[in-house]
Amino acid sequence: MENKNNPELVVGDDVILLHMEDEFMRMGLKGVVKAINNTPWGIQYSVEWQNGSRLDLIPDVDKWMKPSQIKKKKVDEAEDPRVGNIKKNLDVLKYLKKDKDKVFGFLAKLQESGLTNMLGAGPVLSYSGKDMEKWIEGMFKDSEDYTELIDAADESRDALIRAVMNMYEDKGLDIDDMDKVNRDFRNLTKKVMELYTINYKDFIKKR
């Protein structure tokens, strides 16, 4: 029987990343094995990842699975509790409706920018375009043009606010406690970040 963690790979195999010590290599990232290298430290798999990276998989350090294992077992909850609990976060997609691409698209742009570690990027989802601009300036990142990212931040925040309003309407709730509304907004952003971190498109059906 094939090992569920770190199965042996051959050139041409598809692979799904479970863990790698690199902030740009998130769990759920897909890749294709392009070469197998024998090094003084053992075998390393050269992989072409969907985010453009060519970082090698190192058996004693990294963790991966094959797509066939995901399909067979759906999701192994023992691998990562977040994956086992993903269903409880799917309501955020219902409330985001057609706006979900604006939010997840913003997060993708933020990740590509390299401005922050995505594991701590949750608070950035509450930033307006002006907030984002001030944040970037505060990090002395003014040598590049981040106009597209700043505009995307505005669109994402507006989409998340609409999602909260959709949730209140769906549940028949009154907006009479702004502290509660703000808590619900923060809770919704946490769900968004968890779905993004797991790379939700690989684990749910198209909606």
Protein backbone atom coordinates (compact mmCIF):
# COMPACT_ATOMS: atom_id res chain seq x y z
CA MET A 1 0.00 0.00 0.00
CA GLU A 2 1.24 3.47 -0.88
CA ASN A 3 2.35 5.62 2.05
CA LYS A 4 -0.14 8.44 2.63
CA ASN A 5 2.69 10.83 3.46
CA ASN A 6 5.65 11.40 1.15
CA PRO A 7 4.91 8.64 -1.36
CA GLU A 8 7.72 7.75 -3.76
CA LEU A 9 7.59 9.89 -6.91
CA VAL A 10 8.68 9.46 -10.50
CA VAL A 11 9.20 12.06 -13.21
CA GLY A 12 5.82 13.27 -14.48
CA ASP A 13 3.93 12.62 -11.23
CA ASP A 14 1.51 15.26 -9.99
CA VAL A 15 2.04 16.18 -6.37
CA ILE A 16 0.22 18.25 -3.72
CA LEU A 17 2.24 20.05 -1.08
CA LEU A 18 1.33 19.53 2.58
CA HIS A 19 4.24 21.38 4.20
CA MET A 20 7.38 23.26 3.24
CA GLU A 21 9.39 25.80 5.21
CA ASP A 22 8.76 28.67 2.80
CA GLU A 23 6.09 31.34 3.24
CA PHE A 24 5.20 31.35 -0.46
CA MET A 25 4.64 27.59 -0.59
CA ARG A 26 1.22 27.13 0.98
CA MET A 27 -0.48 23.86 1.78
CA GLY A 28 -2.45 22.50 -1.17
CA LEU A 29 -0.10 23.90 -3.82
CA LYS A 30 0.12 21.60 -6.87
CA GLY A 31 3.19 20.73 -8.88
CA VAL A 32 4.68 18.29 -11.38
CA VAL A 33 7.87 16.31 -10.80
CA LYS A 34 10.41 17.28 -13.48
CA ALA A 35 13.53 15.46 -12.27
CA ILE A 36 14.91 13.25 -9.51
CA ASN A 37 18.31 14.29 -8.18
CA ASN A 38 20.71 12.12 -6.20
CA THR A 39 22.55 14.41 -3.80
CA PRO A 40 25.06 13.70 -1.02
CA TRP A 41 22.10 14.16 1.36
CA GLY A 42 19.80 11.76 -0.47
CA ILE A 43 17.14 11.98 -3.17
CA GLN A 44 15.47 15.33 -3.92
CA TYR A 45 12.56 15.84 -6.28
CA SER A 46 12.73 18.80 -8.65
CA VAL A 47 9.16 20.12 -8.97
CA GLU A 48 7.58 22.77 -11.17
CA TRP A 49 4.98 24.36 -8.88
CA GLN A 50 1.81 26.14 -10.02
CA ASN A 51 3.02 29.41 -8.45
CA GLY A 52 6.13 29.41 -10.67
CA SER A 53 8.55 28.15 -8.02
CA ARG A 54 11.07 25.36 -8.78
CA LEU A 55 11.88 24.52 -5.16
CA ASP A 56 12.84 20.88 -4.59
CA LEU A 57 10.97 18.48 -2.33
CA ILE A 58 13.27 17.09 0.36
CA PRO A 59 11.91 13.82 1.85
CA ASP A 60 13.32 14.36 5.35
CA VAL A 61 12.04 17.93 5.57
CA ASP A 62 8.93 18.43 3.43
CA LYS A 63 5.56 16.66 3.27
CA TRP A 64 3.45 15.89 0.21
CA MET A 65 0.71 13.67 -1.20
CA LYS A 66 -0.45 12.58 -4.64
CA PRO A 67 -3.79 13.87 -6.01
CA SER A 68 -5.07 10.29 -6.20
CA GLN A 69 -4.76 10.04 -2.41
CA ILE A 70 -6.82 13.19 -1.91
CA LYS A 71 -9.55 11.86 -4.22
CA LYS A 72 -9.65 8.47 -2.53
CA LYS A 73 -9.78 9.73 1.00
CA LYS A 74 -11.28 13.10 0.21
CA VAL A 75 -9.33 14.70 3.02
CA ASP A 76 -7.33 13.06 5.76
CA GLU A 77 -8.40 15.04 8.81
CA ALA A 78 -5.43 13.70 10.75
CA GLU A 79 -3.06 15.56 8.43
CA ASP A 80 -4.32 19.02 9.30
CA PRO A 81 -7.33 19.91 11.47
CA ARG A 82 -8.04 22.92 9.25
CA VAL A 83 -8.74 20.62 6.34
CA GLY A 84 -11.06 18.46 8.40
CA ASN A 85 -13.03 21.54 9.44
CA ILE A 86 -13.21 23.18 6.03
CA LYS A 87 -16.94 22.57 5.61
CA LYS A 88 -17.77 24.84 8.52
CA ASN A 89 -16.12 27.71 6.64
CA LEU A 90 -17.88 27.25 3.30
CA ASP A 91 -20.76 29.54 4.27
CA VAL A 92 -18.43 32.44 3.58
CA LEU A 93 -18.62 31.55 -0.13
CA LYS A 94 -22.41 31.71 0.01
CA TYR A 95 -22.33 35.19 1.48
CA LEU A 96 -19.57 36.45 -0.81
CA LYS A 97 -21.54 35.28 -3.85
CA LYS A 98 -19.98 36.62 -7.07
CA ASP A 99 -17.53 38.74 -5.05
CA LYS A 100 -15.40 35.78 -3.96
CA ASP A 101 -12.95 36.26 -6.85
CA LYS A 102 -12.33 39.85 -5.72
CA VAL A 103 -11.37 38.72 -2.22
CA PHE A 104 -9.30 35.67 -3.14
CA GLY A 105 -7.83 37.59 -6.07
CA PHE A 106 -6.65 40.31 -3.68
CA LEU A 107 -5.02 37.72 -1.43
CA ALA A 108 -3.24 36.21 -4.44
CA LYS A 109 -1.90 39.66 -5.41
CA LEU A 110 -0.81 40.27 -1.81
CA GLN A 111 1.04 36.96 -1.75
CA GLU A 112 2.75 37.72 -5.07
CA SER A 113 3.85 41.13 -3.76
CA GLY A 114 5.92 39.54 -0.98
CA LEU A 115 4.93 42.36 1.39
CA THR A 116 3.88 40.06 4.22
CA ASN A 117 3.88 36.49 5.46
CA MET A 118 0.45 35.20 4.43
CA LEU A 119 0.04 33.31 7.71
CA GLY A 120 -0.37 36.69 9.40
CA ALA A 121 -2.20 38.48 6.60
CA GLY A 122 -5.70 38.25 8.09
CA PRO A 123 -5.82 41.83 9.45
CA VAL A 124 -4.95 43.20 5.99
CA LEU A 125 -8.37 42.07 4.74
CA SER A 126 -9.92 44.90 6.78
CA TYR A 127 -7.76 47.54 5.06
CA SER A 128 -9.25 50.04 2.65
CA GLY A 129 -7.16 51.22 -0.28
CA LYS A 130 -5.94 54.21 1.75
CA ASP A 131 -5.08 51.98 4.70
CA MET A 132 -3.13 49.71 2.38
CA GLU A 133 -1.25 52.66 0.90
CA LYS A 134 -0.25 53.93 4.35
CA TRP A 135 0.77 50.42 5.40
CA ILE A 136 3.01 50.04 2.35
CA GLU A 137 4.55 53.47 2.86
CA GLY A 138 5.21 52.59 6.50
CA MET A 139 7.20 49.59 5.33
CA PHE A 140 9.31 51.81 3.05
CA LYS A 141 8.14 49.93 -0.01
CA ASP A 142 7.64 53.09 -2.06
CA SER A 143 10.14 52.17 -4.76
CA GLU A 144 7.57 50.06 -6.60
CA ASP A 145 4.11 50.72 -7.98
CA TYR A 146 1.47 48.98 -5.87
CA THR A 147 -1.52 50.75 -7.42
CA GLU A 148 -3.12 47.50 -8.57
CA LEU A 149 -2.78 45.97 -5.09
CA ILE A 150 -4.19 49.08 -3.42
CA ASP A 151 -7.21 49.11 -5.75
CA ALA A 152 -7.74 45.40 -5.15
CA ALA A 153 -7.72 46.02 -1.37
CA ASP A 154 -10.61 48.47 -1.75
CA GLU A 155 -12.62 46.02 -3.84
CA SER A 156 -11.93 43.15 -1.44
CA ARG A 157 -12.93 45.11 1.67
CA ASP A 158 -16.16 46.30 0.01
CA ALA A 159 -16.91 42.70 -0.97
CA LEU A 160 -16.40 41.49 2.60
CA ILE A 161 -18.68 44.20 3.97
CA ARG A 162 -21.36 43.15 1.49
CA ALA A 163 -20.86 39.54 2.60
CA VAL A 164 -21.59 40.49 6.22
CA MET A 165 -24.72 42.33 5.09
CA ASN A 166 -25.79 39.27 3.08
CA MET A 167 -25.26 37.09 6.15
CA TYR A 168 -27.42 39.34 8.32
CA GLU A 169 -30.15 39.43 5.68
CA ASP A 170 -30.02 35.64 5.23
CA LYS A 171 -30.34 35.05 8.98
CA GLY A 172 -32.96 37.78 9.47
CA LEU A 173 -30.74 39.71 11.89
CA ASP A 174 -30.96 43.41 12.67
CA ILE A 175 -27.87 45.60 12.45
CA ASP A 176 -28.31 47.22 15.85
CA ASP A 177 -25.02 46.33 17.53
CA MET A 178 -21.98 47.56 15.63
CA ASP A 179 -19.61 45.79 18.02
CA LYS A 180 -21.24 42.50 17.02
CA VAL A 181 -21.11 43.45 13.33
CA ASN A 182 -17.39 44.12 13.65
CA ARG A 183 -16.87 40.78 15.40
CA ASP A 184 -18.77 39.02 12.64
CA PHE A 185 -16.65 40.85 10.05
CA ARG A 186 -13.44 39.67 11.74
CA ASN A 187 -14.79 36.13 11.99
CA LEU A 188 -15.62 36.16 8.29
CA THR A 189 -12.10 37.32 7.40
CA LYS A 190 -10.67 34.45 9.47
CA LYS A 191 -12.75 31.98 7.47
CA VAL A 192 -11.56 33.54 4.23
CA MET A 193 -7.92 33.24 5.31
CA GLU A 194 -8.36 29.62 6.35
CA LEU A 195 -9.94 28.73 3.01
CA TYR A 196 -7.17 30.56 1.15
CA THR A 197 -4.43 28.91 3.20
CA ILE A 198 -5.81 25.47 2.43
CA ASN A 199 -6.24 26.43 -1.23
CA TYR A 200 -9.99 25.83 -1.12
CA LYS A 201 -10.44 25.23 -4.87
CA ASP A 202 -8.66 21.89 -4.52
CA PHE A 203 -11.01 20.60 -1.84
CA ILE A 204 -14.53 21.70 -2.82
CA LYS A 205 -16.72 21.38 -5.87
CA LYS A 206 -17.14 24.34 -8.18
CA ARG A 207 -19.80 26.72 -6.97
